Amino acid sequence: MATTITAHMSNRQDRWRMYVVLPGPVSQWPEYDLGPGEVPTVRERSRALNALGYTFTGDPDWRWTESSVWPDDPASAVRLIASIEVREARE
């Protein structure tokens, strides 16, 4: 069975970014800039994952969570973070 890992997508500074969480320093995680605008479609997310060399492990059902820009401040803006299990794409 192929090893699964987690990909995340978040919006920071008005740009959507996707990154794949790997062992080691954050600076070495593969990252893809999806650009500004609305939440990327599932098709756009799939293309980004493929560009990084990964693919969905099953249904493309993303889990969404929210985080505060300023922790412990109830007036803080909310940052949405999506995650999904992925695997390396086969050639």
Protein backbone atom coordinates (compact mmCIF):
# COMPACT_ATOMS: atom_id res chain seq x y z
CA MET A 1 0.00 0.00 0.00
CA ALA A 2 1.30 3.45 -0.91
CA THR A 3 2.22 5.85 1.87
CA THR A 4 -0.21 8.70 2.29
CA ILE A 5 0.74 12.17 3.36
CA THR A 6 -1.20 15.36 3.93
CA ALA A 7 -1.55 18.32 1.60
CA HIS A 8 -2.83 21.65 2.90
CA MET A 9 -4.24 24.68 1.18
CA SER A 10 -4.56 28.08 2.82
CA ASN A 11 -5.05 31.72 1.95
CA ARG A 12 -2.41 34.13 3.12
CA GLN A 13 -1.89 37.69 1.97
CA ASP A 14 -4.82 37.23 -0.46
CA ARG A 15 -3.18 34.31 -2.29
CA TRP A 16 -4.11 30.63 -2.15
CA ARG A 17 -1.17 28.29 -1.59
CA MET A 18 -0.98 24.52 -1.49
CA TYR A 19 1.80 22.63 0.22
CA VAL A 20 2.60 18.99 0.95
CA VAL A 21 3.72 18.18 4.49
CA LEU A 22 6.87 16.04 4.44
CA PRO A 23 9.38 15.04 7.09
CA GLY A 24 12.07 17.65 7.47
CA PRO A 25 12.21 21.43 7.43
CA VAL A 26 9.16 23.42 6.30
CA SER A 27 11.39 25.21 3.78
CA GLN A 28 11.70 21.91 1.88
CA TRP A 29 7.98 21.20 1.58
CA PRO A 30 6.71 21.30 -2.02
CA GLU A 31 4.53 24.40 -2.49
CA TYR A 32 2.28 25.67 -5.27
CA ASP A 33 0.90 29.20 -5.62
CA LEU A 34 -2.72 29.02 -6.80
CA GLY A 35 -2.95 32.79 -7.01
CA PRO A 36 -5.46 35.32 -5.73
CA GLY A 37 -9.24 35.09 -5.90
CA GLU A 38 -12.01 32.79 -4.79
CA VAL A 39 -11.42 29.35 -3.27
CA PRO A 40 -9.79 27.22 -6.00
CA THR A 41 -12.04 24.57 -7.55
CA VAL A 42 -11.40 20.87 -7.00
CA ARG A 43 -10.08 20.71 -10.58
CA GLU A 44 -7.62 23.56 -9.89
CA ARG A 45 -6.51 21.84 -6.69
CA SER A 46 -6.01 18.57 -8.55
CA ARG A 47 -3.85 20.33 -11.16
CA ALA A 48 -1.77 21.95 -8.40
CA LEU A 49 -1.23 18.59 -6.70
CA ASN A 50 -0.24 17.00 -10.01
CA ALA A 51 2.23 19.84 -10.64
CA LEU A 52 3.79 19.00 -7.26
CA GLY A 53 3.93 15.28 -8.16
CA TYR A 54 1.00 14.14 -5.98
CA THR A 55 -2.55 12.94 -6.44
CA PHE A 56 -5.66 12.37 -4.31
CA THR A 57 -5.82 9.00 -2.53
CA GLY A 58 -9.59 8.73 -3.07
CA ASP A 59 -12.50 11.13 -3.26
CA PRO A 60 -11.36 14.75 -3.34
CA ASP A 61 -13.20 15.59 -0.11
CA TRP A 62 -11.20 18.28 1.65
CA ARG A 63 -11.44 18.85 5.42
CA TRP A 64 -11.79 22.53 6.32
CA THR A 65 -10.71 24.09 9.59
CA GLU A 66 -10.33 27.66 10.66
CA SER A 67 -7.59 29.44 12.52
CA SER A 68 -7.31 32.96 13.84
CA VAL A 69 -4.84 35.37 12.33
CA TRP A 70 -4.25 36.67 15.87
CA PRO A 71 -4.69 33.84 18.40
CA ASP A 72 -6.64 34.70 21.55
CA ASP A 73 -8.26 37.72 19.87
CA PRO A 74 -11.99 37.07 19.28
CA ALA A 75 -12.08 39.98 16.80
CA SER A 76 -9.30 38.47 14.70
CA ALA A 77 -9.87 37.62 11.05
CA VAL A 78 -10.33 33.93 10.30
CA ARG A 79 -7.93 31.98 8.11
CA LEU A 80 -9.33 28.89 6.39
CA ILE A 81 -7.11 25.85 6.02
CA ALA A 82 -8.05 22.80 3.96
CA SER A 83 -6.36 19.41 4.12
CA ILE A 84 -6.55 16.12 2.27
CA GLU A 85 -4.62 12.85 2.15
CA VAL A 86 -2.47 12.45 -0.97
CA ARG A 87 0.13 10.08 -2.37
CA GLU A 88 2.96 10.44 -4.85
CA ALA A 89 1.66 10.29 -8.41
CA ARG A 90 2.73 7.29 -10.42
CA GLU A 91 4.45 7.88 -13.72
